Amino acid sequence: MKKVFKVKNLECAHCAAKMQKEIEKLDGVNSASVSFLTQKFVLDVADEKYDEIILSSRKIIKKIEPDCEIVL
Protein backbone atom coordinates (compact mmCIF):
# COMPACT_ATOMS: atom_id res chain seq x y z
CA MET A 1 0.00 0.00 0.00
CA LYS A 2 1.41 3.36 -1.03
CA LYS A 3 0.29 6.53 0.79
CA VAL A 4 1.30 10.19 0.60
CA PHE A 5 1.12 12.38 3.71
CA LYS A 6 1.72 16.07 4.32
CA VAL A 7 4.41 16.87 6.88
CA LYS A 8 4.12 19.89 9.16
CA ASN A 9 7.02 21.82 10.71
CA LEU A 10 9.82 19.97 8.90
CA GLU A 11 12.60 22.54 9.10
CA CYS A 12 15.73 20.71 8.03
CA ALA A 13 16.70 18.76 4.89
CA HIS A 14 19.30 16.81 6.86
CA CYS A 15 16.64 15.79 9.39
CA ALA A 16 14.35 14.66 6.54
CA ALA A 17 17.15 12.44 5.22
CA LYS A 18 17.73 10.96 8.69
CA MET A 19 14.00 10.27 9.09
CA GLN A 20 13.84 8.56 5.72
CA LYS A 21 16.87 6.39 6.49
CA GLU A 22 15.44 5.24 9.83
CA ILE A 23 11.92 4.61 8.49
CA GLU A 24 13.31 2.53 5.60
CA LYS A 25 14.86 0.17 8.19
CA LEU A 26 11.43 -0.76 9.62
CA ASP A 27 10.20 -4.28 8.88
CA GLY A 28 7.47 -4.19 6.23
CA VAL A 29 8.57 -0.93 4.58
CA ASN A 30 9.07 -1.33 0.84
CA SER A 31 10.14 2.30 0.39
CA ALA A 32 9.93 5.63 2.17
CA SER A 33 10.60 9.19 1.12
CA VAL A 34 10.65 12.29 3.31
CA SER A 35 10.96 15.49 1.28
CA PHE A 36 11.94 18.76 2.88
CA LEU A 37 11.20 20.70 -0.33
CA THR A 38 7.67 19.42 -0.85
CA GLN A 39 6.93 18.81 2.84
CA LYS A 40 5.64 15.32 1.96
CA PHE A 41 6.13 11.83 3.32
CA VAL A 42 5.58 8.97 0.85
CA LEU A 43 5.34 5.51 2.33
CA ASP A 44 4.98 2.15 0.58
CA VAL A 45 4.35 -0.66 3.07
CA ALA A 46 2.96 -4.16 3.41
CA ASP A 47 -0.79 -3.83 4.04
CA GLU A 48 -0.82 -5.99 7.17
CA LYS A 49 1.83 -3.84 8.87
CA TYR A 50 0.39 -0.42 7.92
CA ASP A 51 -0.84 0.70 11.37
CA GLU A 52 2.31 -0.51 13.14
CA ILE A 53 4.58 1.23 10.62
CA ILE A 54 2.67 4.54 10.82
CA LEU A 55 2.99 4.51 14.61
CA SER A 56 6.71 3.71 14.42
CA SER A 57 7.26 6.35 11.72
CA ARG A 58 5.60 9.02 13.87
CA LYS A 59 7.89 8.10 16.78
CA ILE A 60 10.99 8.30 14.57
CA ILE A 61 9.97 11.68 13.18
CA LYS A 62 9.26 13.09 16.68
CA LYS A 63 12.60 11.76 17.96
CA ILE A 64 14.56 13.47 15.17
CA GLU A 65 12.55 16.70 14.99
CA PRO A 66 10.16 17.10 17.97
CA ASP A 67 7.94 19.78 16.40
CA CYS A 68 7.43 17.85 13.16
CA GLU A 69 4.36 15.72 12.55
CA ILE A 70 2.64 13.66 9.88
CA VAL A 71 -0.79 14.92 8.88
CA LEU A 72 -2.97 11.81 8.55
PDB file of N, CA and C in Angstrom:
ATOM      1  N   MET A   1       0.843  -1.169   0.000  1.00  0.00           N
ATOM      2  CA  MET A   1       0.000   0.000   0.000  1.00  0.00           C
ATOM      3  C   MET A   1       0.893   1.238   0.000  1.00  0.00           C
ATOM      4  N   LYS A   2       0.629   2.131  -0.929  1.00  0.00           N
ATOM      5  CA  LYS A   2       1.410   3.363  -1.026  1.00  0.00           C
ATOM      6  C   LYS A   2       0.523   4.540  -0.622  1.00  0.00           C
ATOM      7  N   LYS A   3       1.030   5.357   0.303  1.00  0.00           N
ATOM      8  CA  LYS A   3       0.289   6.529   0.786  1.00  0.00           C
ATOM      9  C   LYS A   3       1.197   7.752   0.777  1.00  0.00           C
ATOM     10  N   VAL A   4       0.584   8.913   0.567  1.00  0.00           N
ATOM     11  CA  VAL A   4       1.298  10.191   0.601  1.00  0.00           C
ATOM     12  C   VAL A   4       0.691  11.032   1.716  1.00  0.00           C
ATOM     13  N   PHE A   5       1.557  11.566   2.580  1.00  0.00           N
ATOM     14  CA  PHE A   5       1.119  12.385   3.706  1.00  0.00           C
ATOM     15  C   PHE A   5       1.792  13.748   3.642  1.00  0.00           C
ATOM     16  N   LYS A   6       1.122  14.748   4.159  1.00  0.00           N
ATOM     17  CA  LYS A   6       1.718  16.067   4.321  1.00  0.00           C
ATOM     18  C   LYS A   6       2.485  16.056   5.646  1.00  0.00           C
ATOM     19  N   VAL A   7       3.596  16.763   5.674  1.00  0.00           N
ATOM     20  CA  VAL A   7       4.406  16.866   6.885  1.00  0.00           C
ATOM     21  C   VAL A   7       4.393  18.324   7.337  1.00  0.00           C
ATOM     22  N   LYS A   8       4.136  18.535   8.620  1.00  0.00           N
ATOM     23  CA  LYS A   8       4.123  19.890   9.163  1.00  0.00           C
ATOM     24  C   LYS A   8       5.375  20.138   9.993  1.00  0.00           C
ATOM     25  N   ASN A   9       5.895  21.353   9.890  1.00  0.00           N
ATOM     26  CA  ASN A   9       7.016  21.821  10.711  1.00  0.00           C
ATOM     27  C   ASN A   9       8.325  21.070  10.472  1.00  0.00           C
ATOM     28  N   LEU A  10       8.538  20.587   9.266  1.00  0.00           N
ATOM     29  CA  LEU A  10       9.816  19.974   8.901  1.00  0.00           C
ATOM     30  C   LEU A  10      10.744  21.104   8.490  1.00  0.00           C
ATOM     31  N   GLU A  11      11.774  21.351   9.281  1.00  0.00           N
ATOM     32  CA  GLU A  11      12.596  22.544   9.097  1.00  0.00           C
ATOM     33  C   GLU A  11      14.015  22.274   8.627  1.00  0.00           C
ATOM     34  N   CYS A  12      14.331  21.021   8.324  1.00  0.00           N
ATOM     35  CA  CYS A  12      15.727  20.712   8.025  1.00  0.00           C
ATOM     36  C   CYS A  12      15.822  19.564   7.012  1.00  0.00           C
ATOM     37  N   ALA A  13      16.533  19.794   5.916  1.00  0.00           N
ATOM     38  CA  ALA A  13      16.702  18.762   4.889  1.00  0.00           C
ATOM     39  C   ALA A  13      17.511  17.586   5.428  1.00  0.00           C
ATOM     40  N   HIS A  14      18.494  17.878   6.259  1.00  0.00           N
ATOM     41  CA  HIS A  14      19.302  16.815   6.856  1.00  0.00           C
ATOM     42  C   HIS A  14      18.442  15.928   7.752  1.00  0.00           C
ATOM     43  N   CYS A  15      17.548  16.546   8.518  1.00  0.00           N
ATOM     44  CA  CYS A  15      16.638  15.788   9.385  1.00  0.00           C
ATOM     45  C   CYS A  15      15.710  14.910   8.545  1.00  0.00           C
ATOM     46  N   ALA A  16      15.219  15.430   7.433  1.00  0.00           N
ATOM     47  CA  ALA A  16      14.352  14.659   6.544  1.00  0.00           C
ATOM     48  C   ALA A  16      15.090  13.418   6.041  1.00  0.00           C
ATOM     49  N   ALA A  17      16.343  13.569   5.695  1.00  0.00           N
ATOM     50  CA  ALA A  17      17.149  12.438   5.219  1.00  0.00           C
ATOM     51  C   ALA A  17      17.345  11.402   6.332  1.00  0.00           C
ATOM     52  N   LYS A  18      17.580  11.876   7.551  1.00  0.00           N
ATOM     53  CA  LYS A  18      17.733  10.964   8.688  1.00  0.00           C
ATOM     54  C   LYS A  18      16.437  10.209   8.957  1.00  0.00           C
ATOM     55  N   MET A  19      15.309  10.905   8.887  1.00  0.00           N
ATOM     56  CA  MET A  19      13.998  10.271   9.093  1.00  0.00           C
ATOM     57  C   MET A  19      13.785   9.173   8.055  1.00  0.00           C
ATOM     58  N   GLN A  20      14.029   9.514   6.806  1.00  0.00           N
ATOM     59  CA  GLN A  20      13.842   8.555   5.718  1.00  0.00           C
ATOM     60  C   GLN A  20      14.694   7.317   5.931  1.00  0.00           C
ATOM     61  N   LYS A  21      15.943   7.512   6.285  1.00  0.00           N
ATOM     62  CA  LYS A  21      16.872   6.393   6.487  1.00  0.00           C
ATOM     63  C   LYS A  21      16.383   5.471   7.600  1.00  0.00           C
ATOM     64  N   GLU A  22      15.915   6.045   8.702  1.00  0.00           N
ATOM     65  CA  GLU A  22      15.438   5.242   9.828  1.00  0.00           C
ATOM     66  C   GLU A  22      14.122   4.533   9.507  1.00  0.00           C
ATOM     67  N   ILE A  23      13.218   5.206   8.836  1.00  0.00           N
ATOM     68  CA  ILE A  23      11.924   4.610   8.495  1.00  0.00           C
ATOM     69  C   ILE A  23      12.111   3.458   7.506  1.00  0.00           C
ATOM     70  N   GLU A  24      13.045   3.597   6.581  1.00  0.00           N
ATOM     71  CA  GLU A  24      13.306   2.529   5.605  1.00  0.00           C
ATOM     72  C   GLU A  24      13.804   1.245   6.273  1.00  0.00           C
ATOM     73  N   LYS A  25      14.358   1.340   7.467  1.00  0.00           N
ATOM     74  CA  LYS A  25      14.858   0.172   8.192  1.00  0.00           C
ATOM     75  C   LYS A  25      13.736  -0.650   8.834  1.00  0.00           C
ATOM     76  N   LEU A  26      12.530  -0.070   8.965  1.00  0.00           N
ATOM     77  CA  LEU A  26      11.427  -0.763   9.623  1.00  0.00           C
ATOM     78  C   LEU A  26      10.984  -1.981   8.814  1.00  0.00           C
ATOM     79  N   ASP A  27      10.679  -3.058   9.516  1.00  0.00           N
ATOM     80  CA  ASP A  27      10.204  -4.279   8.883  1.00  0.00           C
ATOM     81  C   ASP A  27       8.850  -4.028   8.222  1.00  0.00           C
ATOM     82  N   GLY A  28       8.724  -4.372   6.958  1.00  0.00           N
ATOM     83  CA  GLY A  28       7.474  -4.193   6.230  1.00  0.00           C
ATOM     84  C   GLY A  28       7.458  -2.968   5.335  1.00  0.00           C
ATOM     85  N   VAL A  29       8.490  -2.128   5.426  1.00  0.00           N
ATOM     86  CA  VAL A  29       8.569  -0.933   4.582  1.00  0.00           C
ATOM     87  C   VAL A  29       9.234  -1.307   3.260  1.00  0.00           C
ATOM     88  N   ASN A  30       8.507  -1.096   2.167  1.00  0.00           N
ATOM     89  CA  ASN A  30       9.065  -1.330   0.836  1.00  0.00           C
ATOM     90  C   ASN A  30       9.910  -0.138   0.407  1.00  0.00           C
ATOM     91  N   SER A  31       9.382   1.076   0.668  1.00  0.00           N
ATOM     92  CA  SER A  31      10.137   2.299   0.385  1.00  0.00           C
ATOM     93  C   SER A  31       9.538   3.445   1.197  1.00  0.00           C
ATOM     94  N   ALA A  32      10.364   4.436   1.447  1.00  0.00           N
ATOM     95  CA  ALA A  32       9.932   5.627   2.171  1.00  0.00           C
ATOM     96  C   ALA A  32      10.677   6.827   1.609  1.00  0.00           C
ATOM     97  N   SER A  33       9.992   7.963   1.589  1.00  0.00           N
ATOM     98  CA  SER A  33      10.604   9.192   1.120  1.00  0.00           C
ATOM     99  C   SER A  33      10.087  10.341   1.975  1.00  0.00           C
ATOM    100  N   VAL A  34      11.009  11.101   2.546  1.00  0.00           N
ATOM    101  CA  VAL A  34      10.649  12.291   3.313  1.00  0.00           C
ATOM    102  C   VAL A  34      11.289  13.465   2.588  1.00  0.00           C
ATOM    103  N   SER A  35      10.453  14.374   2.069  1.00  0.00           N
ATOM    104  CA  SER A  35      10.958  15.487   1.277  1.00  0.00           C
ATOM    105  C   SER A  35      10.818  16.812   2.018  1.00  0.00           C
ATOM    106  N   PHE A  36      11.947  17.440   2.259  1.00  0.00           N
ATOM    107  CA  PHE A  36      11.942  18.763   2.882  1.00  0.00           C
ATOM    108  C   PHE A  36      11.344  19.796   1.929  1.00  0.00           C
ATOM    109  N   LEU A  37      11.671  19.713   0.649  1.00  0.00           N
ATOM    110  CA  LEU A  37      11.202  20.697  -0.331  1.00  0.00           C
ATOM    111  C   LEU A  37       9.694  20.690  -0.511  1.00  0.00           C
ATOM    112  N   THR A  38       9.116  19.501  -0.618  1.00  0.00           N
ATOM    113  CA  THR A  38       7.669  19.415  -0.854  1.00  0.00           C
ATOM    114  C   THR A  38       6.870  19.257   0.432  1.00  0.00           C
ATOM    115  N   GLN A  39       7.579  19.030   1.551  1.00  0.00           N
ATOM    116  CA  GLN A  39       6.930  18.806   2.841  1.00  0.00           C
ATOM    117  C   GLN A  39       5.980  17.610   2.766  1.00  0.00           C
ATOM    118  N   LYS A  40       6.450  16.524   2.103  1.00  0.00           N
ATOM    119  CA  LYS A  40       5.644  15.322   1.957  1.00  0.00           C
ATOM    120  C   LYS A  40       6.408  14.086   2.422  1.00  0.00           C
ATOM    121  N   PHE A  41       5.627  13.120   2.853  1.00  0.00           N
ATOM    122  CA  PHE A  41       6.129  11.830   3.315  1.00  0.00           C
ATOM    123  C   PHE A  41       5.411  10.769   2.494  1.00  0.00           C
ATOM    124  N   VAL A  42       6.154  10.016   1.683  1.00  0.00           N
ATOM    125  CA  VAL A  42       5.582   8.967   0.851  1.00  0.00           C
ATOM    126  C   VAL A  42       6.035   7.627   1.428  1.00  0.00           C
ATOM    127  N   LEU A  43       5.063   6.770   1.671  1.00  0.00           N
ATOM    128  CA  LEU A  43       5.341   5.506   2.334  1.00  0.00           C
ATOM    129  C   LEU A  43       4.698   4.362   1.558  1.00  0.00           C
ATOM    130  N   ASP A  44       5.484   3.358   1.242  1.00  0.00           N
ATOM    131  CA  ASP A  44       4.984   2.150   0.580  1.00  0.00           C
ATOM    132  C   ASP A  44       5.275   0.987   1.523  1.00  0.00           C
ATOM    133  N   VAL A  45       4.200   0.374   2.035  1.00  0.00           N
ATOM    134  CA  VAL A  45       4.349  -0.661   3.067  1.00  0.00           C
ATOM    135  C   VAL A  45       3.479  -1.878   2.770  1.00  0.00           C
ATOM    136  N   ALA A  46       3.805  -2.968   3.451  1.00  0.00           N
ATOM    137  CA  ALA A  46       2.959  -4.162   3.411  1.00  0.00           C
ATOM    138  C   ALA A  46       1.649  -3.834   4.120  1.00  0.00           C
ATOM    139  N   ASP A  47       0.521  -4.178   3.506  1.00  0.00           N
ATOM    140  CA  ASP A  47      -0.794  -3.831   4.042  1.00  0.00           C
ATOM    141  C   ASP A  47      -0.994  -4.259   5.492  1.00  0.00           C
ATOM    142  N   GLU A  48      -0.563  -5.460   5.823  1.00  0.00           N
ATOM    143  CA  GLU A  48      -0.817  -5.993   7.167  1.00  0.00           C
ATOM    144  C   GLU A  48      -0.007  -5.277   8.260  1.00  0.00           C
ATOM    145  N   LYS A  49       0.995  -4.541   7.887  1.00  0.00           N
ATOM    146  CA  LYS A  49       1.827  -3.839   8.874  1.00  0.00           C
ATOM    147  C   LYS A  49       1.590  -2.325   8.872  1.00  0.00           C
ATOM    148  N   TYR A  50       0.614  -1.857   8.102  1.00  0.00           N
ATOM    149  CA  TYR A  50       0.395  -0.420   7.917  1.00  0.00           C
ATOM    150  C   TYR A  50       0.286   0.356   9.241  1.00  0.00           C
ATOM    151  N   ASP A  51      -0.622  -0.040  10.121  1.00  0.00           N
ATOM    152  CA  ASP A  51      -0.839   0.696  11.373  1.00  0.00           C
ATOM    153  C   ASP A  51       0.416   0.727  12.245  1.00  0.00           C
ATOM    154  N   GLU A  52       1.082  -0.401  12.339  1.00  0.00           N
ATOM    155  CA  GLU A  52       2.309  -0.505  13.144  1.00  0.00           C
ATOM    156  C   GLU A  52       3.406   0.406  12.580  1.00  0.00           C
ATOM    157  N   ILE A  53       3.534   0.431  11.263  1.00  0.00           N
ATOM    158  CA  ILE A  53       4.577   1.234  10.625  1.00  0.00           C
ATOM    159  C   ILE A  53       4.282   2.729  10.757  1.00  0.00           C
ATOM    160  N   ILE A  54       3.022   3.119  10.625  1.00  0.00           N
ATOM    161  CA  ILE A  54       2.671   4.536  10.815  1.00  0.00           C
ATOM    162  C   ILE A  54       3.020   4.980  12.226  1.00  0.00           C
ATOM    163  N   LEU A  55       2.678   4.177  13.221  1.00  0.00           N
ATOM    164  CA  LEU A  55       2.990   4.513  14.612  1.00  0.00           C
ATOM    165  C   LEU A  55       4.508   4.633  14.811  1.00  0.00           C
ATOM    166  N   SER A  56       5.252   3.674  14.294  1.00  0.00           N
ATOM    167  CA  SER A  56       6.715   3.708  14.416  1.00  0.00           C
ATOM    168  C   SER A  56       7.304   4.902  13.672  1.00  0.00           C
ATOM    169  N   SER A  57       6.768   5.211  12.506  1.00  0.00           N
ATOM    170  CA  SER A  57       7.256   6.354  11.720  1.00  0.00           C
ATOM    171  C   SER A  57       7.045   7.659  12.474  1.00  0.00           C
ATOM    172  N   ARG A  58       5.886   7.803  13.086  1.00  0.00           N
ATOM    173  CA  ARG A  58       5.604   9.023  13.866  1.00  0.00           C
ATOM    174  C   ARG A  58       6.597   9.170  15.021  1.00  0.00           C
ATOM    175  N   LYS A  59       6.924   8.066  15.672  1.00  0.00           N
ATOM    176  CA  LYS A  59       7.890   8.099  16.780  1.00  0.00           C
ATOM    177  C   LYS A  59       9.270   8.508  16.280  1.00  0.00           C
ATOM    178  N   ILE A  60       9.688   7.959  15.152  1.00  0.00           N
ATOM    179  CA  ILE A  60      10.993   8.295  14.570  1.00  0.00           C
ATOM    180  C   ILE A  60      11.054   9.781  14.224  1.00  0.00           C
ATOM    181  N   ILE A  61      10.003  10.272  13.581  1.00  0.00           N
ATOM    182  CA  ILE A  61       9.966  11.680  13.184  1.00  0.00           C
ATOM    183  C   ILE A  61      10.031  12.590  14.403  1.00  0.00           C
ATOM    184  N   LYS A  62       9.269  12.278  15.451  1.00  0.00           N
ATOM    185  CA  LYS A  62       9.263  13.088  16.680  1.00  0.00           C
ATOM    186  C   LYS A  62      10.632  13.054  17.362  1.00  0.00           C
ATOM    187  N   LYS A  63      11.289  11.900  17.326  1.00  0.00           N
ATOM    188  CA  LYS A  63      12.601  11.763  17.961  1.00  0.00           C
ATOM    189  C   LYS A  63      13.632  12.652  17.267  1.00  0.00           C
ATOM    190  N   ILE A  64      13.583  12.700  15.934  1.00  0.00           N
ATOM    191  CA  ILE A  64      14.564  13.466  15.170  1.00  0.00           C
ATOM    192  C   ILE A  64      14.241  14.954  15.167  1.00  0.00           C
ATOM    193  N   GLU A  65      12.968  15.290  15.005  1.00  0.00           N
ATOM    194  CA  GLU A  65      12.553  16.697  14.990  1.00  0.00           C
ATOM    195  C   GLU A  65      11.231  16.810  15.772  1.00  0.00           C
ATOM    196  N   PRO A  66      11.309  17.147  17.064  1.00  0.00           N
ATOM    197  CA  PRO A  66      10.158  17.104  17.971  1.00  0.00           C
ATOM    198  C   PRO A  66       8.916  17.899  17.534  1.00  0.00           C
ATOM    199  N   ASP A  67       9.081  18.979  16.810  1.00  0.00           N
ATOM    200  CA  ASP A  67       7.940  19.782  16.398  1.00  0.00           C
ATOM    201  C   ASP A  67       7.297  19.298  15.097  1.00  0.00           C
ATOM    202  N   CYS A  68       7.918  18.360  14.446  1.00  0.00           N
ATOM    203  CA  CYS A  68       7.434  17.853  13.161  1.00  0.00           C
ATOM    204  C   CYS A  68       6.377  16.777  13.371  1.00  0.00           C
ATOM    205  N   GLU A  69       5.378  16.762  12.470  1.00  0.00           N
ATOM    206  CA  GLU A  69       4.360  15.724  12.554  1.00  0.00           C
ATOM    207  C   GLU A  69       3.805  15.381  11.183  1.00  0.00           C
ATOM    208  N   ILE A  70       3.295  14.144  11.094  1.00  0.00           N
ATOM    209  CA  ILE A  70       2.639  13.659   9.875  1.00  0.00           C
ATOM    210  C   ILE A  70       1.165  14.035   9.979  1.00  0.00           C
ATOM    211  N   VAL A  71       0.633  14.611   8.915  1.00  0.00           N
ATOM    212  CA  VAL A  71      -0.789  14.924   8.880  1.00  0.00           C
ATOM    213  C   VAL A  71      -1.495  13.740   8.235  1.00  0.00           C
ATOM    214  N   LEU A  72      -2.266  13.007   9.044  1.00  0.00           N
ATOM    215  CA  LEU A  72      -2.970  11.813   8.554  1.00  0.00           C
ATOM    216  C   LEU A  72      -4.292  12.168   7.943  1.00  0.00           C
TER     217      LEU A  72
END
